[in-house]
Protein backbone atom coordinates (compact mmCIF):
# COMPACT_ATOMS: atom_id res chain seq x y z
CA MET A 1 27.21 4.20 -0.21
CA VAL A 2 24.66 5.94 1.97
CA THR A 3 23.73 4.05 5.12
CA LEU A 4 21.15 4.58 7.81
CA ASP A 5 20.58 3.03 11.23
CA ILE A 6 16.83 2.72 11.70
CA ALA A 7 17.30 2.48 15.47
CA THR A 8 18.59 6.07 15.54
CA LEU A 9 15.95 7.65 13.29
CA GLU A 10 13.94 10.45 14.88
CA ALA A 11 10.42 10.79 13.55
CA GLN A 12 8.36 13.99 13.77
CA GLU A 13 5.06 13.84 15.70
CA MET A 14 2.16 14.34 13.28
CA GLY A 15 -0.67 13.95 15.80
CA GLY A 16 -3.03 11.03 16.32
CA GLY A 17 -0.26 8.83 17.73
CA LEU A 18 1.77 8.91 14.49
CA SER A 19 5.37 10.08 14.01
CA VAL A 20 7.00 10.18 10.55
CA THR A 21 10.31 10.93 8.84
CA PHE A 22 11.51 10.62 5.23
CA PRO A 23 15.17 9.49 5.40
CA PHE A 24 15.61 9.12 1.63
CA SER A 25 14.02 11.16 -1.17
CA SER A 26 14.99 13.58 -3.91
CA ALA A 27 15.63 16.12 -1.10
CA THR A 28 18.45 13.89 0.22
CA GLY A 29 19.88 13.08 -3.21
CA ALA A 30 17.98 9.91 -4.14
CA ALA A 31 17.36 9.77 -7.88
CA ASP A 32 14.60 7.18 -8.28
CA THR A 33 13.23 6.08 -4.88
CA ALA A 34 12.22 7.41 -1.47
CA ALA A 35 11.58 5.95 1.96
CA VAL A 36 9.27 6.77 4.85
CA TYR A 37 9.68 5.61 8.46
CA MET A 38 6.56 5.64 10.62
CA VAL A 39 6.10 5.00 14.33
CA PHE A 40 2.58 4.36 15.63
CA GLU A 41 1.69 4.51 19.30
CA PRO A 42 -1.05 2.03 20.36
CA GLY A 43 -4.19 3.20 18.57
CA GLY A 44 -2.16 5.62 16.42
CA ALA A 45 -3.26 6.00 12.82
CA LEU A 46 -2.13 7.15 9.40
CA PRO A 47 -5.21 8.79 7.87
CA GLU A 48 -6.56 7.78 4.46
CA HIS A 49 -4.58 9.28 1.60
CA THR A 50 -3.27 8.62 -1.89
CA ASP A 51 0.35 8.72 -3.05
CA SER A 52 1.51 9.61 -6.54
CA ALA A 53 4.03 6.73 -6.44
CA GLU A 54 3.69 3.02 -5.77
CA GLU A 55 4.68 2.11 -2.20
CA TRP A 56 5.87 -1.00 -0.37
CA LEU A 57 5.14 -1.13 3.38
CA LEU A 58 7.31 -3.37 5.58
CA VAL A 59 6.13 -3.84 9.16
CA LEU A 60 9.21 -3.86 11.40
CA GLU A 61 7.41 -4.14 14.73
CA GLY A 62 3.85 -4.48 16.02
CA THR A 63 0.47 -5.25 14.52
CA VAL A 64 -1.15 -2.89 12.04
CA GLU A 65 -4.54 -2.92 10.38
CA ALA A 66 -4.04 -1.63 6.85
CA THR A 67 -6.63 -0.66 4.28
CA VAL A 68 -5.78 -0.39 0.58
CA GLY A 69 -8.71 0.46 -1.64
CA ASP A 70 -11.58 -1.79 -0.52
CA GLU A 71 -9.37 -4.38 1.20
CA THR A 72 -8.51 -4.37 4.92
CA GLY A 73 -6.11 -6.78 6.56
CA ILE A 74 -3.79 -7.28 9.50
CA LEU A 75 -0.04 -6.95 8.97
CA GLU A 76 2.52 -8.09 11.54
CA ALA A 77 6.27 -7.76 11.91
CA GLY A 78 8.05 -9.15 8.86
CA GLN A 79 5.09 -8.75 6.51
CA LEU A 80 5.17 -6.61 3.39
CA ALA A 81 2.25 -4.97 1.55
CA LEU A 82 2.06 -3.31 -1.87
CA VAL A 83 0.10 -0.07 -2.27
CA PRO A 84 -0.48 0.88 -5.93
CA ALA A 85 -0.02 4.52 -6.92
CA ILE A 86 -3.15 6.62 -6.34
CA ALA A 87 -4.87 3.86 -4.31
CA PRO A 88 -6.52 5.24 -1.17
CA HIS A 89 -4.88 3.68 1.88
CA SER A 90 -4.55 4.04 5.64
CA ALA A 91 -3.07 2.20 8.62
CA ARG A 92 -3.75 1.89 12.33
CA ASN A 93 -1.84 0.25 15.17
CA VAL A 94 -4.15 -2.40 16.65
CA GLY A 95 -1.54 -3.86 19.01
CA ASP A 96 -0.70 -3.14 22.64
CA GLY A 97 2.77 -1.75 21.93
CA PRO A 98 4.33 0.55 19.35
CA ALA A 99 4.29 -0.36 15.67
CA ARG A 100 7.00 0.64 13.21
CA ILE A 101 6.73 0.60 9.41
CA LEU A 102 9.35 1.29 6.76
CA GLY A 103 7.84 2.28 3.42
CA PHE A 104 9.57 2.43 0.04
CA PHE A 105 8.29 4.63 -2.80
CA GLY A 106 8.90 3.95 -6.50
CA ALA A 107 9.81 7.61 -7.06
CA SER A 108 12.16 10.01 -5.29
CA THR A 109 9.43 12.67 -5.10
CA ASN A 110 5.91 11.77 -3.97
CA VAL A 111 2.74 13.78 -3.61
CA ALA A 112 0.51 12.53 -0.79
CA HIS A 113 -3.03 13.86 -0.67
CA PHE A 114 -5.08 13.17 2.48
CA SER A 115 -8.87 12.75 2.55
CA GLU A 116 -8.94 15.01 5.61
CA GLU A 117 -6.42 17.41 7.14
CA LEU A 118 -3.28 15.64 8.34
CA ALA A 119 -2.45 18.61 10.55
CA PRO A 120 -4.23 21.95 10.91
CA GLY A 121 -4.37 23.47 7.42
CA VAL A 122 -2.39 20.62 5.79
CA GLN A 123 -4.02 18.21 3.35
CA THR A 124 -1.26 17.63 0.75
CA LEU A 125 2.42 16.83 1.36
CA VAL A 126 5.17 16.84 -1.26
CA VAL A 127 7.85 14.39 -0.14
CA GLY A 128 11.21 15.19 -1.66
CA ALA A 129 10.67 18.93 -1.98
CA GLN A 130 13.37 20.94 -0.30
CA PRO A 131 12.47 22.22 2.15
CA GLY A 132 9.50 19.92 2.73
CA VAL A 133 6.25 21.31 1.39
CA ALA A 134 2.87 21.03 3.10
CA LEU A 135 0.17 22.57 0.99
CA PRO A 136 -2.70 24.18 2.87
CA VAL A 137 -6.31 23.23 2.60
CA PRO A 138 -8.11 25.84 0.49
CA THR A 139 -10.08 28.26 2.63
CA PRO A 140 -13.76 28.18 1.70
CA GLU A 141 -15.12 31.39 0.28
CA PRO A 142 -17.72 33.09 2.47
CA ALA A 143 -21.29 32.50 1.39
CA LEU A 144 -23.10 35.50 -0.01
CA ALA A 145 -26.34 36.44 1.70
């Protein structure tokens, strides 16, 4: 049995008040599922993106405004939301304190593609690749005069 204490997880700062870690995935030996742990500072946001796998989002702490497709709603601690595979989605902490979300993917490897750069030069992440893979944004070709 593999166990994990969420209270001791260290998430990596991604910018925009968001820190993330992937405690379970194909990179850690999971065969069929993966997990993501996100910490949002007040006002922190997860930019719009799609995932190749279905995802459940469980709010552990705080108040988050989540958008999935054309629907936007408020999620609070103890609430769970389903994000279908390939559905554009995003989240933002709308509370006064930190917000924490634990997400569960229906596949041990997941490709997340962001509408805009998540970090400088990074628009696509492959969760479960070892080591983690962040694919760069294609550099535009110079215009010919």
